[in-house]
PDB file of N, CA and C in Angstrom:
ATOM      1  N   UNK A   1       0.790  -0.911   0.007  1.00  0.00           N
ATOM      2  CA  UNK A   1      -0.133  -0.017  -0.161  1.00  0.00           C
ATOM      3  C   UNK A   1       1.053   1.373  -0.120  1.00  0.00           C
ATOM      4  N   UNK A   2       0.646   1.854  -1.187  1.00  0.00           N
ATOM      5  CA  UNK A   2       1.420   3.121  -1.015  1.00  0.00           C
ATOM      6  C   UNK A   2       0.541   4.614  -0.398  1.00  0.00           C
ATOM      7  N   UNK A   3       1.395   5.449   0.024  1.00  0.00           N
ATOM      8  CA  UNK A   3       0.874   6.640   0.698  1.00  0.00           C
ATOM      9  C   UNK A   3       0.779   7.823  -0.330  1.00  0.00           C
ATOM     10  N   UNK A   4       0.022   8.662  -0.723  1.00  0.00           N
ATOM     11  CA  UNK A   4       0.478   9.568  -1.143  1.00  0.00           C
ATOM     12  C   UNK A   4       0.362  10.955  -0.265  1.00  0.00           C
ATOM     13  N   UNK A   5       1.635  11.417  -1.274  1.00  0.00           N
ATOM     14  CA  UNK A   5       1.939  12.604  -0.591  1.00  0.00           C
ATOM     15  C   UNK A   5       1.085  13.941  -1.139  1.00  0.00           C
ATOM     16  N   UNK A   6       0.625  15.001   0.197  1.00  0.00           N
ATOM     17  CA  UNK A   6      -0.085  15.870  -0.259  1.00  0.00           C
ATOM     18  C   UNK A   6       0.669  16.797  -0.638  1.00  0.00           C
ATOM     19  N   UNK A   7       0.185  17.601  -2.115  1.00  0.00           N
ATOM     20  CA  UNK A   7       0.573  18.211  -2.931  1.00  0.00           C
ATOM     21  C   UNK A   7       0.060  19.776  -2.743  1.00  0.00           C
ATOM     22  N   UNK A   8       0.908  20.877  -2.606  1.00  0.00           N
ATOM     23  CA  UNK A   8       0.394  22.134  -2.541  1.00  0.00           C
ATOM     24  C   UNK A   8      -0.018  22.401  -3.642  1.00  0.00           C
ATOM     25  N   UNK A   9      -1.016  22.913  -3.683  1.00  0.00           N
ATOM     26  CA  UNK A   9      -1.148  23.559  -5.293  1.00  0.00           C
ATOM     27  C   UNK A   9      -1.221  24.985  -5.223  1.00  0.00           C
ATOM     28  N   UNK A  10      -0.810  25.880  -4.383  1.00  0.00           N
ATOM     29  CA  UNK A  10      -0.895  26.913  -4.154  1.00  0.00           C
ATOM     30  C   UNK A  10      -0.496  27.350  -2.922  1.00  0.00           C
ATOM     31  N   UNK A  11       0.577  28.874  -2.827  1.00  0.00           N
ATOM     32  CA  UNK A  11       0.787  29.341  -1.448  1.00  0.00           C
ATOM     33  C   UNK A  11       0.828  30.594  -1.418  1.00  0.00           C
ATOM     34  N   UNK A  12       0.541  31.099  -0.508  1.00  0.00           N
ATOM     35  CA  UNK A  12       0.992  32.658  -0.091  1.00  0.00           C
ATOM     36  C   UNK A  12       1.964  32.794   0.543  1.00  0.00           C
ATOM     37  N   UNK A  13       2.721  33.912   0.107  1.00  0.00           N
ATOM     38  CA  UNK A  13       4.173  34.289   0.618  1.00  0.00           C
ATOM     39  C   UNK A  13       3.949  35.704   1.123  1.00  0.00           C
ATOM     40  N   UNK A  14       4.217  35.986   2.641  1.00  0.00           N
ATOM     41  CA  UNK A  14       3.956  36.794   3.208  1.00  0.00           C
ATOM     42  C   UNK A  14       5.698  37.793   3.143  1.00  0.00           C
ATOM     43  N   UNK A  15       5.233  38.460   1.942  1.00  0.00           N
ATOM     44  CA  UNK A  15       7.061  39.216   1.588  1.00  0.00           C
ATOM     45  C   UNK A  15       7.343  40.341   2.811  1.00  0.00           C
ATOM     46  N   UNK A  16       6.384  40.484   3.577  1.00  0.00           N
ATOM     47  CA  UNK A  16       6.752  41.595   4.634  1.00  0.00           C
ATOM     48  C   UNK A  16       7.837  40.592   5.424  1.00  0.00           C
ATOM     49  N   UNK A  17       8.021  39.672   5.656  1.00  0.00           N
ATOM     50  CA  UNK A  17       8.779  38.831   6.468  1.00  0.00           C
ATOM     51  C   UNK A  17      10.127  38.429   5.936  1.00  0.00           C
ATOM     52  N   UNK A  18      10.225  38.618   4.956  1.00  0.00           N
ATOM     53  CA  UNK A  18      11.436  38.051   4.220  1.00  0.00           C
ATOM     54  C   UNK A  18      12.731  39.141   4.478  1.00  0.00           C
ATOM     55  N   UNK A  19      13.558  38.937   4.636  1.00  0.00           N
ATOM     56  CA  UNK A  19      14.847  39.518   4.978  1.00  0.00           C
ATOM     57  C   UNK A  19      15.507  39.553   3.651  1.00  0.00           C
ATOM     58  N   UNK A  20      15.997  40.796   3.638  1.00  0.00           N
ATOM     59  CA  UNK A  20      16.867  41.299   2.487  1.00  0.00           C
ATOM     60  C   UNK A  20      18.408  40.653   2.684  1.00  0.00           C
ATOM     61  N   UNK A  21      19.010  40.417   1.492  1.00  0.00           N
ATOM     62  CA  UNK A  21      20.612  40.071   1.403  1.00  0.00           C
ATOM     63  C   UNK A  21      21.014  41.351   2.461  1.00  0.00           C
ATOM     64  N   UNK A  22      20.665  42.920   1.695  1.00  0.00           N
ATOM     65  CA  UNK A  22      21.337  44.209   2.273  1.00  0.00           C
ATOM     66  C   UNK A  22      20.971  44.521   4.043  1.00  0.00           C
ATOM     67  N   UNK A  23      19.809  43.508   4.063  1.00  0.00           N
ATOM     68  CA  UNK A  23      19.511  43.586   5.965  1.00  0.00           C
ATOM     69  C   UNK A  23      20.772  42.957   6.345  1.00  0.00           C
ATOM     70  N   UNK A  24      20.673  41.419   6.035  1.00  0.00           N
ATOM     71  CA  UNK A  24      21.247  41.034   6.635  1.00  0.00           C
ATOM     72  C   UNK A  24      23.005  41.093   7.056  1.00  0.00           C
ATOM     73  N   UNK A  25      23.043  41.910   5.675  1.00  0.00           N
ATOM     74  CA  UNK A  25      24.812  42.756   5.798  1.00  0.00           C
ATOM     75  C   UNK A  25      24.659  43.778   6.868  1.00  0.00           C
ATOM     76  N   UNK A  26      23.495  44.625   6.990  1.00  0.00           N
ATOM     77  CA  UNK A  26      23.360  45.384   7.735  1.00  0.00           C
ATOM     78  C   UNK A  26      23.435  45.158   9.171  1.00  0.00           C
ATOM     79  N   UNK A  27      22.779  44.133   9.611  1.00  0.00           N
ATOM     80  CA  UNK A  27      22.694  43.103  10.716  1.00  0.00           C
ATOM     81  C   UNK A  27      24.104  42.742  11.083  1.00  0.00           C
ATOM     82  N   UNK A  28      24.989  42.312   9.988  1.00  0.00           N
ATOM     83  CA  UNK A  28      26.277  41.816  10.679  1.00  0.00           C
ATOM     84  C   UNK A  28      27.119  42.669  10.815  1.00  0.00           C
ATOM     85  N   UNK A  29      27.171  43.926   9.896  1.00  0.00           N
ATOM     86  CA  UNK A  29      28.120  44.913  10.401  1.00  0.00           C
ATOM     87  C   UNK A  29      27.532  45.931  11.836  1.00  0.00           C
ATOM     88  N   UNK A  30      26.677  45.849  12.053  1.00  0.00           N
ATOM     89  CA  UNK A  30      26.044  46.281  13.532  1.00  0.00           C
ATOM     90  C   UNK A  30      26.729  45.407  14.720  1.00  0.00           C
ATOM     91  N   UNK A  31      26.195  44.358  14.320  1.00  0.00           N
ATOM     92  CA  UNK A  31      26.915  43.297  15.474  1.00  0.00           C
ATOM     93  C   UNK A  31      28.730  43.630  15.375  1.00  0.00           C
ATOM     94  N   UNK A  32      29.088  43.354  14.201  1.00  0.00           N
ATOM     95  CA  UNK A  32      30.659  43.762  14.462  1.00  0.00           C
ATOM     96  C   UNK A  32      30.990  44.966  14.895  1.00  0.00           C
ATOM     97  N   UNK A  33      30.273  46.077  14.987  1.00  0.00           N
ATOM     98  CA  UNK A  33      30.482  47.429  15.541  1.00  0.00           C
ATOM     99  C   UNK A  33      30.368  47.208  17.061  1.00  0.00           C
ATOM    100  N   UNK A  34      29.579  46.330  17.486  1.00  0.00           N
ATOM    101  CA  UNK A  34      29.285  46.108  18.781  1.00  0.00           C
ATOM    102  C   UNK A  34      28.007  46.265  19.365  1.00  0.00           C
ATOM    103  N   UNK A  35      27.941  46.523  20.635  1.00  0.00           N
ATOM    104  CA  UNK A  35      26.379  46.619  20.892  1.00  0.00           C
ATOM    105  C   UNK A  35      25.542  48.456  20.803  1.00  0.00           C
ATOM    106  N   UNK A  36      24.603  48.145  20.877  1.00  0.00           N
ATOM    107  CA  UNK A  36      24.157  49.958  20.709  1.00  0.00           C
ATOM    108  C   UNK A  36      24.212  50.757  21.865  1.00  0.00           C
ATOM    109  N   UNK A  37      24.829  50.406  22.759  1.00  0.00           N
ATOM    110  CA  UNK A  37      24.904  50.786  24.111  1.00  0.00           C
ATOM    111  C   UNK A  37      25.380  50.425  25.217  1.00  0.00           C
ATOM    112  N   UNK A  38      26.632  50.911  25.906  1.00  0.00           N
ATOM    113  CA  UNK A  38      27.187  50.272  27.017  1.00  0.00           C
ATOM    114  C   UNK A  38      27.100  51.293  28.197  1.00  0.00           C
ATOM    115  N   UNK A  39      27.552  50.879  29.108  1.00  0.00           N
ATOM    116  CA  UNK A  39      27.102  52.265  30.582  1.00  0.00           C
ATOM    117  C   UNK A  39      28.629  52.903  30.499  1.00  0.00           C
ATOM    118  N   UNK A  40      28.105  53.690  31.101  1.00  0.00           N
ATOM    119  CA  UNK A  40      29.398  54.904  31.167  1.00  0.00           C
ATOM    120  C   UNK A  40      30.378  54.085  32.064  1.00  0.00           C
ATOM    121  N   UNK A  41      30.087  53.279  32.823  1.00  0.00           N
ATOM    122  CA  UNK A  41      31.068  52.869  33.819  1.00  0.00           C
ATOM    123  C   UNK A  41      32.064  51.844  32.822  1.00  0.00           C
ATOM    124  N   UNK A  42      31.441  51.164  32.294  1.00  0.00           N
ATOM    125  CA  UNK A  42      31.997  50.015  31.279  1.00  0.00           C
ATOM    126  C   UNK A  42      32.983  51.023  30.414  1.00  0.00           C
ATOM    127  N   UNK A  43      32.706  51.687  29.645  1.00  0.00           N
ATOM    128  CA  UNK A  43      33.196  52.682  28.858  1.00  0.00           C
ATOM    129  C   UNK A  43      34.466  53.256  29.639  1.00  0.00           C
ATOM    130  N   UNK A  44      34.366  53.961  30.876  1.00  0.00           N
ATOM    131  CA  UNK A  44      35.230  54.575  31.899  1.00  0.00           C
ATOM    132  C   UNK A  44      36.605  53.407  32.103  1.00  0.00           C
ATOM    133  N   UNK A  45      35.769  52.283  32.283  1.00  0.00           N
ATOM    134  CA  UNK A  45      36.976  51.307  32.600  1.00  0.00           C
ATOM    135  C   UNK A  45      37.997  50.973  31.263  1.00  0.00           C
ATOM    136  N   UNK A  46      37.252  50.931  30.299  1.00  0.00           N
ATOM    137  CA  UNK A  46      38.023  50.728  28.729  1.00  0.00           C
ATOM    138  C   UNK A  46      39.014  51.781  28.671  1.00  0.00           C
ATOM    139  N   UNK A  47      38.586  53.015  28.852  1.00  0.00           N
ATOM    140  CA  UNK A  47      39.229  54.203  28.469  1.00  0.00           C
ATOM    141  C   UNK A  47      40.304  54.685  29.351  1.00  0.00           C
ATOM    142  N   UNK A  48      40.151  54.421  30.262  1.00  0.00           N
ATOM    143  CA  UNK A  48      41.201  54.479  31.378  1.00  0.00           C
ATOM    144  C   UNK A  48      41.134  55.885  32.306  1.00  0.00           C
ATOM    145  N   UNK A  49      41.408  55.717  33.229  1.00  0.00           N
ATOM    146  CA  UNK A  49      41.421  57.104  34.418  1.00  0.00           C
ATOM    147  C   UNK A  49      41.660  58.319  33.791  1.00  0.00           C
ATOM    148  N   UNK A  50      43.076  58.211  33.063  1.00  0.00           N
ATOM    149  CA  UNK A  50      43.896  59.519  33.264  1.00  0.00           C
ATOM    150  C   UNK A  50      43.082  59.878  31.598  1.00  0.00           C
ATOM    151  N   UNK A  51      43.096  59.395  30.501  1.00  0.00           N
ATOM    152  CA  UNK A  51      41.705  60.092  29.392  1.00  0.00           C
ATOM    153  C   UNK A  51      40.818  60.164  29.593  1.00  0.00           C
ATOM    154  N   UNK A  52      40.149  59.910  30.411  1.00  0.00           N
ATOM    155  CA  UNK A  52      38.835  59.884  30.953  1.00  0.00           C
ATOM    156  C   UNK A  52      38.777  61.144  31.495  1.00  0.00           C
ATOM    157  N   UNK A  53      39.545  61.773  32.571  1.00  0.00           N
ATOM    158  CA  UNK A  53      39.896  62.638  33.237  1.00  0.00           C
ATOM    159  C   UNK A  53      40.027  63.811  32.511  1.00  0.00           C
ATOM    160  N   UNK A  54      40.997  63.642  31.393  1.00  0.00           N
ATOM    161  CA  UNK A  54      40.936  64.561  30.347  1.00  0.00           C
ATOM    162  C   UNK A  54      39.861  65.386  29.578  1.00  0.00           C
ATOM    163  N   UNK A  55      39.071  64.537  29.127  1.00  0.00           N
ATOM    164  CA  UNK A  55      37.852  64.260  28.714  1.00  0.00           C
ATOM    165  C   UNK A  55      37.003  65.034  29.118  1.00  0.00           C
ATOM    166  N   UNK A  56      36.850  64.769  30.435  1.00  0.00           N
ATOM    167  CA  UNK A  56      35.910  65.374  31.714  1.00  0.00           C
ATOM    168  C   UNK A  56      36.356  66.833  31.807  1.00  0.00           C
ATOM    169  N   UNK A  57      37.786  67.297  31.782  1.00  0.00           N
ATOM    170  CA  UNK A  57      38.086  68.015  32.028  1.00  0.00           C
ATOM    171  C   UNK A  57      37.477  68.947  31.318  1.00  0.00           C
ATOM    172  N   UNK A  58      37.557  68.981  29.834  1.00  0.00           N
ATOM    173  CA  UNK A  58      37.349  69.518  28.574  1.00  0.00           C
ATOM    174  C   UNK A  58      36.038  69.830  28.486  1.00  0.00           C
ATOM    175  N   UNK A  59      35.374  68.822  29.111  1.00  0.00           N
ATOM    176  CA  UNK A  59      34.166  68.793  29.169  1.00  0.00           C
ATOM    177  C   UNK A  59      33.396  69.710  30.112  1.00  0.00           C
ATOM    178  N   UNK A  60      34.523  70.270  31.136  1.00  0.00           N
ATOM    179  CA  UNK A  60      33.720  71.215  32.033  1.00  0.00           C
ATOM    180  C   UNK A  60      34.137  72.716  31.681  1.00  0.00           C
ATOM    181  N   UNK A  61      34.749  72.991  30.370  1.00  0.00           N
ATOM    182  CA  UNK A  61      35.066  74.168  29.833  1.00  0.00           C
ATOM    183  C   UNK A  61      34.003  74.799  29.933  1.00  0.00           C
ATOM    184  N   UNK A  62      34.047  75.695  30.345  1.00  0.00           N
ATOM    185  CA  UNK A  62      32.461  76.803  30.195  1.00  0.00           C
ATOM    186  C   UNK A  62      32.360  77.143  28.336  1.00  0.00           C
ATOM    187  N   UNK A  63      33.218  77.167  27.779  1.00  0.00           N
ATOM    188  CA  UNK A  63      33.157  77.739  26.576  1.00  0.00           C
ATOM    189  C   UNK A  63      32.645  76.618  25.563  1.00  0.00           C
ATOM    190  N   UNK A  64      32.299  75.507  25.879  1.00  0.00           N
ATOM    191  CA  UNK A  64      31.062  74.579  25.604  1.00  0.00           C
ATOM    192  C   UNK A  64      29.834  74.705  25.803  1.00  0.00           C
ATOM    193  N   UNK A  65      28.971  74.799  24.932  1.00  0.00           N
ATOM    194  CA  UNK A  65      27.546  74.648  25.602  1.00  0.00           C
ATOM    195  C   UNK A  65      27.160  73.884  26.658  1.00  0.00           C
ATOM    196  N   UNK A  66      26.087  74.764  27.609  1.00  0.00           N
ATOM    197  CA  UNK A  66      26.040  74.060  28.752  1.00  0.00           C
ATOM    198  C   UNK A  66      25.160  72.635  28.980  1.00  0.00           C
ATOM    199  N   UNK A  67      24.257  72.651  27.805  1.00  0.00           N
ATOM    200  CA  UNK A  67      23.491  71.315  27.631  1.00  0.00           C
ATOM    201  C   UNK A  67      24.404  70.242  27.242  1.00  0.00           C
ATOM    202  N   UNK A  68      25.209  70.589  26.350  1.00  0.00           N
ATOM    203  CA  UNK A  68      26.164  69.517  26.285  1.00  0.00           C
ATOM    204  C   UNK A  68      27.101  68.799  27.473  1.00  0.00           C
ATOM    205  N   UNK A  69      27.662  70.170  28.427  1.00  0.00           N
ATOM    206  CA  UNK A  69      28.319  69.581  29.443  1.00  0.00           C
ATOM    207  C   UNK A  69      27.622  68.708  30.180  1.00  0.00           C
ATOM    208  N   UNK A  70      25.833  69.404  30.201  1.00  0.00           N
ATOM    209  CA  UNK A  70      25.222  68.742  31.015  1.00  0.00           C
ATOM    210  C   UNK A  70      24.802  66.965  30.697  1.00  0.00           C
ATOM    211  N   UNK A  71      24.932  67.254  29.240  1.00  0.00           N
ATOM    212  CA  UNK A  71      24.441  65.433  28.854  1.00  0.00           C
ATOM    213  C   UNK A  71      25.407  64.450  29.085  1.00  0.00           C
ATOM    214  N   UNK A  72      26.732  65.242  29.389  1.00  0.00           N
ATOM    215  CA  UNK A  72      28.149  64.079  29.360  1.00  0.00           C
ATOM    216  C   UNK A  72      28.079  63.972  31.006  1.00  0.00           C
ATOM    217  N   UNK A  73      28.154  64.745  31.817  1.00  0.00           N
ATOM    218  CA  UNK A  73      28.118  64.456  33.193  1.00  0.00           C
ATOM    219  C   UNK A  73      26.906  63.753  33.925  1.00  0.00           C
ATOM    220  N   UNK A  74      25.891  64.001  32.986  1.00  0.00           N
ATOM    221  CA  UNK A  74      24.383  63.208  33.490  1.00  0.00           C
ATOM    222  C   UNK A  74      24.074  61.734  32.767  1.00  0.00           C
ATOM    223  N   UNK A  75      25.376  61.488  31.957  1.00  0.00           N
ATOM    224  CA  UNK A  75      24.645  60.322  31.160  1.00  0.00           C
ATOM    225  C   UNK A  75      25.369  58.946  32.089  1.00  0.00           C
ATOM    226  N   UNK A  76      24.559  57.945  32.057  1.00  0.00           N
ATOM    227  CA  UNK A  76      24.717  56.788  33.017  1.00  0.00           C
ATOM    228  C   UNK A  76      25.203  55.471  31.696  1.00  0.00           C
ATOM    229  N   UNK A  77      24.364  55.778  30.448  1.00  0.00           N
ATOM    230  CA  UNK A  77      24.715  54.980  29.366  1.00  0.00           C
ATOM    231  C   UNK A  77      25.302  55.661  28.250  1.00  0.00           C
ATOM    232  N   UNK A  78      26.145  54.884  27.470  1.00  0.00           N
ATOM    233  CA  UNK A  78      26.562  55.516  26.425  1.00  0.00           C
ATOM    234  C   UNK A  78      25.787  54.836  25.040  1.00  0.00           C
ATOM    235  N   UNK A  79      24.797  55.599  24.215  1.00  0.00           N
ATOM    236  CA  UNK A  79      24.391  55.279  23.126  1.00  0.00           C
ATOM    237  C   UNK A  79      25.087  55.555  21.784  1.00  0.00           C
ATOM    238  N   UNK A  80      25.230  54.585  20.788  1.00  0.00           N
ATOM    239  CA  UNK A  80      26.235  54.874  19.951  1.00  0.00           C
ATOM    240  C   UNK A  80      25.287  55.756  18.667  1.00  0.00           C
ATOM    241  N   UNK A  81      25.680  56.163  18.310  1.00  0.00           N
ATOM    242  CA  UNK A  81      25.007  57.478  17.086  1.00  0.00           C
ATOM    243  C   UNK A  81      24.261  58.158  17.888  1.00  0.00           C
ATOM    244  N   UNK A  82      24.674  58.897  19.294  1.00  0.00           N
ATOM    245  CA  UNK A  82      23.715  59.752  19.994  1.00  0.00           C
ATOM    246  C   UNK A  82      24.983  61.158  19.765  1.00  0.00           C
ATOM    247  N   UNK A  83      23.825  62.122  20.160  1.00  0.00           N
ATOM    248  CA  UNK A  83      25.138  63.347  20.156  1.00  0.00           C
ATOM    249  C   UNK A  83      25.979  63.312  21.355  1.00  0.00           C
ATOM    250  N   UNK A  84      25.430  62.849  22.107  1.00  0.00           N
ATOM    251  CA  UNK A  84      26.350  62.636  23.702  1.00  0.00           C
ATOM    252  C   UNK A  84      27.556  61.583  23.342  1.00  0.00           C
ATOM    253  N   UNK A  85      27.456  60.814  22.658  1.00  0.00           N
ATOM    254  CA  UNK A  85      28.499  59.853  22.279  1.00  0.00           C
ATOM    255  C   UNK A  85      29.434  60.380  21.256  1.00  0.00           C
ATOM    256  N   UNK A  86      28.798  61.567  20.354  1.00  0.00           N
ATOM    257  CA  UNK A  86      29.764  61.968  19.390  1.00  0.00           C
ATOM    258  C   UNK A  86      30.523  63.328  19.858  1.00  0.00           C
ATOM    259  N   UNK A  87      29.940  63.780  20.930  1.00  0.00           N
ATOM    260  CA  UNK A  87      30.642  64.856  21.830  1.00  0.00           C
ATOM    261  C   UNK A  87      32.124  64.218  22.642  1.00  0.00           C
ATOM    262  N   UNK A  88      31.195  62.843  22.988  1.00  0.00           N
ATOM    263  CA  UNK A  88      32.544  62.330  23.681  1.00  0.00           C
ATOM    264  C   UNK A  88      33.813  61.798  22.836  1.00  0.00           C
ATOM    265  N   UNK A  89      32.996  61.017  22.149  1.00  0.00           N
ATOM    266  CA  UNK A  89      34.362  60.694  20.984  1.00  0.00           C
ATOM    267  C   UNK A  89      35.145  61.865  20.730  1.00  0.00           C
ATOM    268  N   UNK A  90      34.264  63.040  20.081  1.00  0.00           N
ATOM    269  CA  UNK A  90      35.421  63.999  19.712  1.00  0.00           C
ATOM    270  C   UNK A  90      36.179  64.465  21.012  1.00  0.00           C
ATOM    271  N   UNK A  91      36.133  64.791  22.184  1.00  0.00           N
ATOM    272  CA  UNK A  91      36.576  64.868  23.621  1.00  0.00           C
ATOM    273  C   UNK A  91      37.901  63.907  23.480  1.00  0.00           C
ATOM    274  N   UNK A  92      37.414  62.727  23.446  1.00  0.00           N
ATOM    275  CA  UNK A  92      38.384  61.691  23.665  1.00  0.00           C
ATOM    276  C   UNK A  92      39.861  61.478  22.395  1.00  0.00           C
ATOM    277  N   UNK A  93      39.271  62.460  21.234  1.00  0.00           N
ATOM    278  CA  UNK A  93      39.631  62.082  20.097  1.00  0.00           C
ATOM    279  C   UNK A  93      39.848  60.904  19.215  1.00  0.00           C
ATOM    280  N   UNK A  94      38.523  60.242  19.641  1.00  0.00           N
ATOM    281  CA  UNK A  94      38.235  58.907  18.791  1.00  0.00           C
ATOM    282  C   UNK A  94      37.968  58.979  17.374  1.00  0.00           C
ATOM    283  N   UNK A  95      38.292  57.795  16.531  1.00  0.00           N
ATOM    284  CA  UNK A  95      37.967  58.089  15.123  1.00  0.00           C
ATOM    285  C   UNK A  95      36.566  57.312  15.050  1.00  0.00           C
ATOM    286  N   UNK A  96      35.991  57.177  13.988  1.00  0.00           N
ATOM    287  CA  UNK A  96      34.799  56.074  14.191  1.00  0.00           C
ATOM    288  C   UNK A  96      35.009  54.769  14.563  1.00  0.00           C
ATOM    289  N   UNK A  97      36.401  54.191  14.169  1.00  0.00           N
ATOM    290  CA  UNK A  97      36.857  52.936  14.293  1.00  0.00           C
ATOM    291  C   UNK A  97      37.301  52.443  15.719  1.00  0.00           C
ATOM    292  N   UNK A  98      37.711  53.586  16.686  1.00  0.00           N
ATOM    293  CA  UNK A  98      38.182  53.538  17.825  1.00  0.00           C
ATOM    294  C   UNK A  98      36.644  53.509  18.648  1.00  0.00           C
ATOM    295  N   UNK A  99      35.964  54.135  18.262  1.00  0.00           N
ATOM    296  CA  UNK A  99      34.800  54.490  19.011  1.00  0.00           C
ATOM    297  C   UNK A  99      34.153  53.102  18.882  1.00  0.00           C
ATOM    298  N   UNK A 100      33.825  52.430  17.405  1.00  0.00           N
ATOM    299  CA  UNK A 100      33.828  51.012  17.367  1.00  0.00           C
ATOM    300  C   UNK A 100      34.192  50.190  18.248  1.00  0.00           C
ATOM    301  N   UNK A 101      35.663  50.386  18.548  1.00  0.00           N
ATOM    302  CA  UNK A 101      36.271  49.352  19.349  1.00  0.00           C
ATOM    303  C   UNK A 101      36.192  49.317  20.548  1.00  0.00           C
ATOM    304  N   UNK A 102      35.628  51.089  21.224  1.00  0.00           N
ATOM    305  CA  UNK A 102      35.300  51.100  22.822  1.00  0.00           C
ATOM    306  C   UNK A 102      34.005  50.281  22.775  1.00  0.00           C
ATOM    307  N   UNK A 103      32.893  50.421  22.054  1.00  0.00           N
ATOM    308  CA  UNK A 103      31.559  49.661  22.387  1.00  0.00           C
ATOM    309  C   UNK A 103      31.743  48.382  22.276  1.00  0.00           C
ATOM    310  N   UNK A 104      32.745  47.487  21.682  1.00  0.00           N
ATOM    311  CA  UNK A 104      33.171  45.899  21.750  1.00  0.00           C
ATOM    312  C   UNK A 104      33.642  45.797  22.777  1.00  0.00           C
ATOM    313  N   UNK A 105      35.044  46.443  23.351  1.00  0.00           N
ATOM    314  CA  UNK A 105      35.637  46.162  24.450  1.00  0.00           C
ATOM    315  C   UNK A 105      34.823  46.501  25.628  1.00  0.00           C
ATOM    316  N   UNK A 106      34.129  47.901  25.844  1.00  0.00           N
ATOM    317  CA  UNK A 106      33.071  48.033  27.187  1.00  0.00           C
ATOM    318  C   UNK A 106      32.393  46.926  27.311  1.00  0.00           C
ATOM    319  N   UNK A 107      31.627  46.403  26.274  1.00  0.00           N
ATOM    320  CA  UNK A 107      30.563  45.299  26.322  1.00  0.00           C
ATOM    321  C   UNK A 107      31.257  44.287  26.854  1.00  0.00           C
ATOM    322  N   UNK A 108      32.570  43.870  26.723  1.00  0.00           N
ATOM    323  CA  UNK A 108      32.839  42.900  27.577  1.00  0.00           C
ATOM    324  C   UNK A 108      33.101  42.730  28.965  1.00  0.00           C
ATOM    325  N   UNK A 109      33.385  44.044  29.384  1.00  0.00           N
ATOM    326  CA  UNK A 109      33.383  44.230  30.717  1.00  0.00           C
ATOM    327  C   UNK A 109      32.234  44.123  31.880  1.00  0.00           C
ATOM    328  N   UNK A 110      32.307  42.907  32.946  1.00  0.00           N
ATOM    329  CA  UNK A 110      31.643  42.824  33.452  1.00  0.00           C
ATOM    330  C   UNK A 110      31.190  43.103  34.932  1.00  0.00           C
ATOM    331  N   UNK A 111      30.581  43.823  35.316  1.00  0.00           N
ATOM    332  CA  UNK A 111      30.331  44.486  36.235  1.00  0.00           C
ATOM    333  C   UNK A 111      29.576  43.830  37.709  1.00  0.00           C
TER     334      UNK A 111
END
């Protein structure tokens, strides 16, 4: 006795659920850049006391906008692609690649 296999005659494809190759590449690149956010303490540990202190001294300079200085002093998390992180990277003299490395290394710090 042979069993007959059910043959699907038509199918509906939900194209909204398909992942495009460019989306897969973008996700891989984002993972390689590290997490989207790390704590300030994790970043401080990676950056080191001396370099962090120099950046914070610059951030206290009254020639910088008050809101920028307040954002850096009040931050508990550093979010990639935020104005606060852009400013901090500038104060630290970090290139985009160094900022990526900071996020990768800081994410490995266990508190």
